[in-house]
Amino acid sequence: MLPEFATIIDLIDYRAAAASGSGEHPAYTFLGDGQNVSDAVDYAGLKARAVALAAHLQSMTDPGDRVLLAHQPGIDYIVGFFACAYAG
């Protein structure tokens, strides 16, 4: 049974720690043509990428600022979304 989480970031942190970068269980997959997996990211990779981008966002913005996510469909959008959450 999973513990209760206050935020989605708490869940990502929990899953990243539990997965420890094994890559066995993707957090998100992207079906580039609508049927076949063209990209995927596990929880540890998602957290690492999102935290790195969050640090960059924090250097350019203040907490609560609005950020426009202008991405092509794919994993980069998901990373950007979670980076915004990590950055506040």
PDB file of N, CA and C in Angstrom:
ATOM      1  N   MET A   1       0.839  -1.180   0.000  1.00  0.00           N
ATOM      2  CA  MET A   1       0.000   0.000   0.000  1.00  0.00           C
ATOM      3  C   MET A   1       0.889   1.250   0.000  1.00  0.00           C
ATOM      4  N   LEU A   2       0.559   2.195  -0.851  1.00  0.00           N
ATOM      5  CA  LEU A   2       1.317   3.437  -0.945  1.00  0.00           C
ATOM      6  C   LEU A   2       0.954   4.378   0.196  1.00  0.00           C
ATOM      7  N   PRO A   3       1.933   5.132   0.675  1.00  0.00           N
ATOM      8  CA  PRO A   3       1.615   6.168   1.655  1.00  0.00           C
ATOM      9  C   PRO A   3       0.837   7.299   0.988  1.00  0.00           C
ATOM     10  N   GLU A   4       0.209   8.142   1.780  1.00  0.00           N
ATOM     11  CA  GLU A   4      -0.484   9.293   1.219  1.00  0.00           C
ATOM     12  C   GLU A   4       0.544  10.370   0.879  1.00  0.00           C
ATOM     13  N   PHE A   5       0.275  11.084  -0.202  1.00  0.00           N
ATOM     14  CA  PHE A   5       1.182  12.125  -0.660  1.00  0.00           C
ATOM     15  C   PHE A   5       0.456  13.456  -0.677  1.00  0.00           C
ATOM     16  N   ALA A   6       1.129  14.502  -0.215  1.00  0.00           N
ATOM     17  CA  ALA A   6       0.538  15.834  -0.192  1.00  0.00           C
ATOM     18  C   ALA A   6       0.517  16.452  -1.591  1.00  0.00           C
ATOM     19  N   THR A   7       1.549  16.142  -2.395  1.00  0.00           N
ATOM     20  CA  THR A   7       1.644  16.722  -3.740  1.00  0.00           C
ATOM     21  C   THR A   7       2.094  15.657  -4.728  1.00  0.00           C
ATOM     22  N   ILE A   8       1.959  15.970  -5.994  1.00  0.00           N
ATOM     23  CA  ILE A   8       2.430  15.050  -7.031  1.00  0.00           C
ATOM     24  C   ILE A   8       3.958  14.961  -7.004  1.00  0.00           C
ATOM     25  N   ILE A   9       4.615  16.016  -6.546  1.00  0.00           N
ATOM     26  CA  ILE A   9       6.074  15.995  -6.418  1.00  0.00           C
ATOM     27  C   ILE A   9       6.490  14.990  -5.350  1.00  0.00           C
ATOM     28  N   ASP A  10       5.723  14.887  -4.271  1.00  0.00           N
ATOM     29  CA  ASP A  10       6.009  13.874  -3.249  1.00  0.00           C
ATOM     30  C   ASP A  10       5.948  12.476  -3.854  1.00  0.00           C
ATOM     31  N   LEU A  11       4.991  12.256  -4.731  1.00  0.00           N
ATOM     32  CA  LEU A  11       4.857  10.960  -5.396  1.00  0.00           C
ATOM     33  C   LEU A  11       6.050  10.691  -6.313  1.00  0.00           C
ATOM     34  N   ILE A  12       6.450  11.679  -7.103  1.00  0.00           N
ATOM     35  CA  ILE A  12       7.609  11.522  -7.991  1.00  0.00           C
ATOM     36  C   ILE A  12       8.856  11.210  -7.159  1.00  0.00           C
ATOM     37  N   ASP A  13       9.059  11.948  -6.061  1.00  0.00           N
ATOM     38  CA  ASP A  13      10.220  11.705  -5.198  1.00  0.00           C
ATOM     39  C   ASP A  13      10.195  10.278  -4.643  1.00  0.00           C
ATOM     40  N   TYR A  14       9.036   9.830  -4.192  1.00  0.00           N
ATOM     41  CA  TYR A  14       8.888   8.488  -3.633  1.00  0.00           C
ATOM     42  C   TYR A  14       9.197   7.424  -4.690  1.00  0.00           C
ATOM     43  N   ARG A  15       8.600   7.579  -5.873  1.00  0.00           N
ATOM     44  CA  ARG A  15       8.823   6.600  -6.936  1.00  0.00           C
ATOM     45  C   ARG A  15      10.265   6.618  -7.430  1.00  0.00           C
ATOM     46  N   ALA A  16      10.879   7.799  -7.506  1.00  0.00           N
ATOM     47  CA  ALA A  16      12.279   7.890  -7.950  1.00  0.00           C
ATOM     48  C   ALA A  16      13.195   7.179  -6.963  1.00  0.00           C
ATOM     49  N   ALA A  17      12.937   7.355  -5.677  1.00  0.00           N
ATOM     50  CA  ALA A  17      13.756   6.695  -4.660  1.00  0.00           C
ATOM     51  C   ALA A  17      13.547   5.186  -4.687  1.00  0.00           C
ATOM     52  N   ALA A  18      12.328   4.754  -4.894  1.00  0.00           N
ATOM     53  CA  ALA A  18      12.019   3.320  -4.919  1.00  0.00           C
ATOM     54  C   ALA A  18      12.602   2.644  -6.158  1.00  0.00           C
ATOM     55  N   ALA A  19      12.599   3.356  -7.273  1.00  0.00           N
ATOM     56  CA  ALA A  19      13.088   2.777  -8.531  1.00  0.00           C
ATOM     57  C   ALA A  19      14.607   2.796  -8.599  1.00  0.00           C
ATOM     58  N   SER A  20      15.213   3.739  -7.945  1.00  0.00           N
ATOM     59  CA  SER A  20      16.673   3.932  -7.923  1.00  0.00           C
ATOM     60  C   SER A  20      17.308   3.829  -9.312  1.00  0.00           C
ATOM     61  N   GLY A  21      16.636   4.391 -10.319  1.00  0.00           N
ATOM     62  CA  GLY A  21      17.210   4.464 -11.651  1.00  0.00           C
ATOM     63  C   GLY A  21      17.263   3.152 -12.408  1.00  0.00           C
ATOM     64  N   SER A  22      16.447   2.181 -12.007  1.00  0.00           N
ATOM     65  CA  SER A  22      16.495   0.880 -12.668  1.00  0.00           C
ATOM     66  C   SER A  22      15.990   0.940 -14.100  1.00  0.00           C
ATOM     67  N   GLY A  23      15.102   1.896 -14.402  1.00  0.00           N
ATOM     68  CA  GLY A  23      14.569   2.027 -15.745  1.00  0.00           C
ATOM     69  C   GLY A  23      13.570   0.954 -16.112  1.00  0.00           C
ATOM     70  N   GLU A  24      13.264   0.065 -15.176  1.00  0.00           N
ATOM     71  CA  GLU A  24      12.361  -1.039 -15.475  1.00  0.00           C
ATOM     72  C   GLU A  24      10.907  -0.596 -15.617  1.00  0.00           C
ATOM     73  N   HIS A  25      10.541   0.417 -14.878  1.00  0.00           N
ATOM     74  CA  HIS A  25       9.152   0.864 -14.882  1.00  0.00           C
ATOM     75  C   HIS A  25       9.083   2.313 -15.336  1.00  0.00           C
ATOM     76  N   PRO A  26       8.738   2.542 -16.585  1.00  0.00           N
ATOM     77  CA  PRO A  26       8.687   3.921 -17.058  1.00  0.00           C
ATOM     78  C   PRO A  26       7.592   4.713 -16.347  1.00  0.00           C
ATOM     79  N   ALA A  27       7.898   5.955 -16.054  1.00  0.00           N
ATOM     80  CA  ALA A  27       6.901   6.858 -15.491  1.00  0.00           C
ATOM     81  C   ALA A  27       5.965   7.314 -16.598  1.00  0.00           C
ATOM     82  N   TYR A  28       6.544   7.633 -17.749  1.00  0.00           N
ATOM     83  CA  TYR A  28       5.772   8.095 -18.906  1.00  0.00           C
ATOM     84  C   TYR A  28       6.389   7.513 -20.172  1.00  0.00           C
ATOM     85  N   THR A  29       5.546   7.192 -21.097  1.00  0.00           N
ATOM     86  CA  THR A  29       5.992   6.792 -22.431  1.00  0.00           C
ATOM     87  C   THR A  29       5.297   7.685 -23.442  1.00  0.00           C
ATOM     88  N   PHE A  30       5.950   7.924 -24.553  1.00  0.00           N
ATOM     89  CA  PHE A  30       5.377   8.734 -25.617  1.00  0.00           C
ATOM     90  C   PHE A  30       5.253   7.875 -26.857  1.00  0.00           C
ATOM     91  N   LEU A  31       4.078   7.861 -27.414  1.00  0.00           N
ATOM     92  CA  LEU A  31       3.803   7.119 -28.646  1.00  0.00           C
ATOM     93  C   LEU A  31       3.865   8.106 -29.799  1.00  0.00           C
ATOM     94  N   GLY A  32       5.027   8.213 -30.423  1.00  0.00           N
ATOM     95  CA  GLY A  32       5.260   9.205 -31.462  1.00  0.00           C
ATOM     96  C   GLY A  32       4.300   9.119 -32.623  1.00  0.00           C
ATOM     97  N   ASP A  33       3.954   7.910 -33.028  1.00  0.00           N
ATOM     98  CA  ASP A  33       3.025   7.730 -34.143  1.00  0.00           C
ATOM     99  C   ASP A  33       1.635   7.328 -33.663  1.00  0.00           C
ATOM    100  N   GLY A  34       1.432   7.382 -32.354  1.00  0.00           N
ATOM    101  CA  GLY A  34       0.146   7.009 -31.790  1.00  0.00           C
ATOM    102  C   GLY A  34       0.039   5.542 -31.425  1.00  0.00           C
ATOM    103  N   GLN A  35       1.022   4.732 -31.818  1.00  0.00           N
ATOM    104  CA  GLN A  35       0.966   3.304 -31.536  1.00  0.00           C
ATOM    105  C   GLN A  35       2.265   2.737 -30.978  1.00  0.00           C
ATOM    106  N   ASN A  36       3.389   3.292 -31.398  1.00  0.00           N
ATOM    107  CA  ASN A  36       4.687   2.739 -31.014  1.00  0.00           C
ATOM    108  C   ASN A  36       5.438   3.698 -30.095  1.00  0.00           C
ATOM    109  N   VAL A  37       6.068   3.137 -29.068  1.00  0.00           N
ATOM    110  CA  VAL A  37       6.835   3.940 -28.115  1.00  0.00           C
ATOM    111  C   VAL A  37       8.051   4.535 -28.820  1.00  0.00           C
ATOM    112  N   SER A  38       8.142   5.861 -28.784  1.00  0.00           N
ATOM    113  CA  SER A  38       9.291   6.526 -29.377  1.00  0.00           C
ATOM    114  C   SER A  38      10.195   7.154 -28.324  1.00  0.00           C
ATOM    115  N   ASP A  39       9.690   7.302 -27.099  1.00  0.00           N
ATOM    116  CA  ASP A  39      10.487   7.861 -26.013  1.00  0.00           C
ATOM    117  C   ASP A  39       9.851   7.443 -24.698  1.00  0.00           C
ATOM    118  N   ALA A  40      10.660   7.334 -23.673  1.00  0.00           N
ATOM    119  CA  ALA A  40      10.168   6.976 -22.342  1.00  0.00           C
ATOM    120  C   ALA A  40      11.114   7.543 -21.307  1.00  0.00           C
ATOM    121  N   VAL A  41      10.603   7.705 -20.096  1.00  0.00           N
ATOM    122  CA  VAL A  41      11.423   8.172 -18.983  1.00  0.00           C
ATOM    123  C   VAL A  41      10.949   7.457 -17.726  1.00  0.00           C
ATOM    124  N   ASP A  42      11.914   6.978 -16.930  1.00  0.00           N
ATOM    125  CA  ASP A  42      11.556   6.358 -15.653  1.00  0.00           C
ATOM    126  C   ASP A  42      11.488   7.455 -14.587  1.00  0.00           C
ATOM    127  N   TYR A  43      11.057   7.084 -13.382  1.00  0.00           N
ATOM    128  CA  TYR A  43      10.867   8.080 -12.333  1.00  0.00           C
ATOM    129  C   TYR A  43      12.166   8.758 -11.927  1.00  0.00           C
ATOM    130  N   ALA A  44      13.244   8.002 -11.833  1.00  0.00           N
ATOM    131  CA  ALA A  44      14.524   8.598 -11.455  1.00  0.00           C
ATOM    132  C   ALA A  44      14.996   9.578 -12.528  1.00  0.00           C
ATOM    133  N   GLY A  45      14.860   9.204 -13.786  1.00  0.00           N
ATOM    134  CA  GLY A  45      15.237  10.096 -14.883  1.00  0.00           C
ATOM    135  C   GLY A  45      14.351  11.323 -14.948  1.00  0.00           C
ATOM    136  N   LEU A  46      13.054  11.129 -14.722  1.00  0.00           N
ATOM    137  CA  LEU A  46      12.115  12.246 -14.710  1.00  0.00           C
ATOM    138  C   LEU A  46      12.497  13.234 -13.616  1.00  0.00           C
ATOM    139  N   LYS A  47      12.757  12.725 -12.422  1.00  0.00           N
ATOM    140  CA  LYS A  47      13.121  13.620 -11.320  1.00  0.00           C
ATOM    141  C   LYS A  47      14.421  14.349 -11.628  1.00  0.00           C
ATOM    142  N   ALA A  48      15.431  13.640 -12.096  1.00  0.00           N
ATOM    143  CA  ALA A  48      16.729  14.261 -12.379  1.00  0.00           C
ATOM    144  C   ALA A  48      16.591  15.375 -13.416  1.00  0.00           C
ATOM    145  N   ARG A  49      15.861  15.092 -14.488  1.00  0.00           N
ATOM    146  CA  ARG A  49      15.700  16.098 -15.542  1.00  0.00           C
ATOM    147  C   ARG A  49      14.866  17.275 -15.056  1.00  0.00           C
ATOM    148  N   ALA A  50      13.801  16.991 -14.317  1.00  0.00           N
ATOM    149  CA  ALA A  50      12.915  18.058 -13.836  1.00  0.00           C
ATOM    150  C   ALA A  50      13.615  18.943 -12.810  1.00  0.00           C
ATOM    151  N   VAL A  51      14.392  18.340 -11.912  1.00  0.00           N
ATOM    152  CA  VAL A  51      15.105  19.123 -10.900  1.00  0.00           C
ATOM    153  C   VAL A  51      16.160  20.011 -11.564  1.00  0.00           C
ATOM    154  N   ALA A  52      16.845  19.489 -12.558  1.00  0.00           N
ATOM    155  CA  ALA A  52      17.847  20.294 -13.269  1.00  0.00           C
ATOM    156  C   ALA A  52      17.194  21.485 -13.972  1.00  0.00           C
ATOM    157  N   LEU A  53      16.076  21.235 -14.634  1.00  0.00           N
ATOM    158  CA  LEU A  53      15.365  22.326 -15.308  1.00  0.00           C
ATOM    159  C   LEU A  53      14.773  23.289 -14.286  1.00  0.00           C
ATOM    160  N   ALA A  54      14.296  22.777 -13.157  1.00  0.00           N
ATOM    161  CA  ALA A  54      13.750  23.636 -12.102  1.00  0.00           C
ATOM    162  C   ALA A  54      14.809  24.609 -11.587  1.00  0.00           C
ATOM    163  N   ALA A  55      16.032  24.137 -11.436  1.00  0.00           N
ATOM    164  CA  ALA A  55      17.117  25.018 -10.980  1.00  0.00           C
ATOM    165  C   ALA A  55      17.327  26.147 -11.977  1.00  0.00           C
ATOM    166  N   HIS A  56      17.260  25.828 -13.253  1.00  0.00           N
ATOM    167  CA  HIS A  56      17.402  26.856 -14.289  1.00  0.00           C
ATOM    168  C   HIS A  56      16.231  27.848 -14.220  1.00  0.00           C
ATOM    169  N   LEU A  57      15.024  27.322 -14.076  1.00  0.00           N
ATOM    170  CA  LEU A  57      13.855  28.199 -13.967  1.00  0.00           C
ATOM    171  C   LEU A  57      13.961  29.120 -12.759  1.00  0.00           C
ATOM    172  N   GLN A  58      14.428  28.589 -11.640  1.00  0.00           N
ATOM    173  CA  GLN A  58      14.549  29.387 -10.424  1.00  0.00           C
ATOM    174  C   GLN A  58      15.572  30.509 -10.580  1.00  0.00           C
ATOM    175  N   SER A  59      16.548  30.298 -11.459  1.00  0.00           N
ATOM    176  CA  SER A  59      17.544  31.347 -11.676  1.00  0.00           C
ATOM    177  C   SER A  59      16.993  32.479 -12.544  1.00  0.00           C
ATOM    178  N   MET A  60      15.877  32.230 -13.212  1.00  0.00           N
ATOM    179  CA  MET A  60      15.313  33.218 -14.131  1.00  0.00           C
ATOM    180  C   MET A  60      13.975  33.786 -13.678  1.00  0.00           C
ATOM    181  N   THR A  61      13.329  33.149 -12.696  1.00  0.00           N
ATOM    182  CA  THR A  61      11.988  33.552 -12.287  1.00  0.00           C
ATOM    183  C   THR A  61      11.891  33.595 -10.767  1.00  0.00           C
ATOM    184  N   ASP A  62      10.780  34.094 -10.297  1.00  0.00           N
ATOM    185  CA  ASP A  62      10.462  34.083  -8.870  1.00  0.00           C
ATOM    186  C   ASP A  62       9.355  33.069  -8.638  1.00  0.00           C
ATOM    187  N   PRO A  63       9.289  32.484  -7.419  1.00  0.00           N
ATOM    188  CA  PRO A  63       8.194  31.555  -7.129  1.00  0.00           C
ATOM    189  C   PRO A  63       6.833  32.204  -7.409  1.00  0.00           C
ATOM    190  N   GLY A  64       5.974  31.466  -8.054  1.00  0.00           N
ATOM    191  CA  GLY A  64       4.652  31.965  -8.389  1.00  0.00           C
ATOM    192  C   GLY A  64       4.552  32.623  -9.756  1.00  0.00           C
ATOM    193  N   ASP A  65       5.702  32.911 -10.388  1.00  0.00           N
ATOM    194  CA  ASP A  65       5.662  33.468 -11.742  1.00  0.00           C
ATOM    195  C   ASP A  65       5.019  32.474 -12.690  1.00  0.00           C
ATOM    196  N   ARG A  66       4.470  32.980 -13.744  1.00  0.00           N
ATOM    197  CA  ARG A  66       3.887  32.117 -14.776  1.00  0.00           C
ATOM    198  C   ARG A  66       4.962  31.762 -15.790  1.00  0.00           C
ATOM    199  N   VAL A  67       4.882  30.535 -16.270  1.00  0.00           N
ATOM    200  CA  VAL A  67       5.830  30.037 -17.260  1.00  0.00           C
ATOM    201  C   VAL A  67       5.030  29.391 -18.375  1.00  0.00           C
ATOM    202  N   LEU A  68       5.355  29.698 -19.603  1.00  0.00           N
ATOM    203  CA  LEU A  68       4.693  29.100 -20.757  1.00  0.00           C
ATOM    204  C   LEU A  68       5.481  27.870 -21.189  1.00  0.00           C
ATOM    205  N   LEU A  69       4.800  26.734 -21.257  1.00  0.00           N
ATOM    206  CA  LEU A  69       5.425  25.501 -21.743  1.00  0.00           C
ATOM    207  C   LEU A  69       5.088  25.364 -23.224  1.00  0.00           C
ATOM    208  N   ALA A  70       6.047  25.648 -24.064  1.00  0.00           N
ATOM    209  CA  ALA A  70       5.846  25.577 -25.511  1.00  0.00           C
ATOM    210  C   ALA A  70       6.732  24.470 -26.057  1.00  0.00           C
ATOM    211  N   HIS A  71       6.212  23.262 -26.032  1.00  0.00           N
ATOM    212  CA  HIS A  71       6.959  22.079 -26.470  1.00  0.00           C
ATOM    213  C   HIS A  71       6.179  21.350 -27.553  1.00  0.00           C
ATOM    214  N   GLN A  72       6.908  20.660 -28.386  1.00  0.00           N
ATOM    215  CA  GLN A  72       6.288  19.684 -29.250  1.00  0.00           C
ATOM    216  C   GLN A  72       5.779  18.563 -28.351  1.00  0.00           C
ATOM    217  N   PRO A  73       4.795  17.794 -28.782  1.00  0.00           N
ATOM    218  CA  PRO A  73       4.345  16.668 -27.954  1.00  0.00           C
ATOM    219  C   PRO A  73       5.517  15.735 -27.644  1.00  0.00           C
ATOM    220  N   GLY A  74       5.580  15.281 -26.396  1.00  0.00           N
ATOM    221  CA  GLY A  74       6.632  14.352 -26.025  1.00  0.00           C
ATOM    222  C   GLY A  74       7.013  14.459 -24.566  1.00  0.00           C
ATOM    223  N   ILE A  75       8.058  13.753 -24.211  1.00  0.00           N
ATOM    224  CA  ILE A  75       8.529  13.673 -22.837  1.00  0.00           C
ATOM    225  C   ILE A  75       9.024  15.033 -22.338  1.00  0.00           C
ATOM    226  N   ASP A  76       9.582  15.852 -23.209  1.00  0.00           N
ATOM    227  CA  ASP A  76      10.083  17.158 -22.783  1.00  0.00           C
ATOM    228  C   ASP A  76       8.983  18.013 -22.160  1.00  0.00           C
ATOM    229  N   TYR A  77       7.756  17.892 -22.642  1.00  0.00           N
ATOM    230  CA  TYR A  77       6.645  18.638 -22.038  1.00  0.00           C
ATOM    231  C   TYR A  77       6.417  18.163 -20.604  1.00  0.00           C
ATOM    232  N   ILE A  78       6.430  16.849 -20.397  1.00  0.00           N
ATOM    233  CA  ILE A  78       6.224  16.285 -19.066  1.00  0.00           C
ATOM    234  C   ILE A  78       7.328  16.763 -18.118  1.00  0.00           C
ATOM    235  N   VAL A  79       8.566  16.728 -18.586  1.00  0.00           N
ATOM    236  CA  VAL A  79       9.687  17.202 -17.775  1.00  0.00           C
ATOM    237  C   VAL A  79       9.488  18.681 -17.424  1.00  0.00           C
ATOM    238  N   GLY A  80       9.099  19.481 -18.407  1.00  0.00           N
ATOM    239  CA  GLY A  80       8.857  20.899 -18.174  1.00  0.00           C
ATOM    240  C   GLY A  80       7.763  21.154 -17.161  1.00  0.00           C
ATOM    241  N   PHE A  81       6.687  20.374 -17.241  1.00  0.00           N
ATOM    242  CA  PHE A  81       5.580  20.503 -16.296  1.00  0.00           C
ATOM    243  C   PHE A  81       6.057  20.249 -14.869  1.00  0.00           C
ATOM    244  N   PHE A  82       6.756  19.127 -14.677  1.00  0.00           N
ATOM    245  CA  PHE A  82       7.231  18.810 -13.338  1.00  0.00           C
ATOM    246  C   PHE A  82       8.329  19.763 -12.877  1.00  0.00           C
ATOM    247  N   ALA A  83       9.123  20.283 -13.798  1.00  0.00           N
ATOM    248  CA  ALA A  83      10.129  21.280 -13.426  1.00  0.00           C
ATOM    249  C   ALA A  83       9.454  22.519 -12.847  1.00  0.00           C
ATOM    250  N   CYS A  84       8.351  22.926 -13.438  1.00  0.00           N
ATOM    251  CA  CYS A  84       7.611  24.069 -12.911  1.00  0.00           C
ATOM    252  C   CYS A  84       7.123  23.791 -11.501  1.00  0.00           C
ATOM    253  N   ALA A  85       6.648  22.581 -11.258  1.00  0.00           N
ATOM    254  CA  ALA A  85       6.176  22.216  -9.925  1.00  0.00           C
ATOM    255  C   ALA A  85       7.340  22.211  -8.925  1.00  0.00           C
ATOM    256  N   TYR A  86       8.464  21.636  -9.323  1.00  0.00           N
ATOM    257  CA  TYR A  86       9.627  21.648  -8.439  1.00  0.00           C
ATOM    258  C   TYR A  86      10.111  23.079  -8.167  1.00  0.00           C
ATOM    259  N   ALA A  87      10.059  23.936  -9.171  1.00  0.00           N
ATOM    260  CA  ALA A  87      10.550  25.305  -9.033  1.00  0.00           C
ATOM    261  C   ALA A  87       9.599  26.184  -8.225  1.00  0.00           C
ATOM    262  N   GLY A  88       8.366  25.756  -8.117  1.00  0.00           N
ATOM    263  CA  GLY A  88       7.392  26.544  -7.365  1.00  0.00           C
ATOM    264  C   GLY A  88       6.764  27.613  -8.215  1.00  0.00           C
TER     265      GLY A  88
END
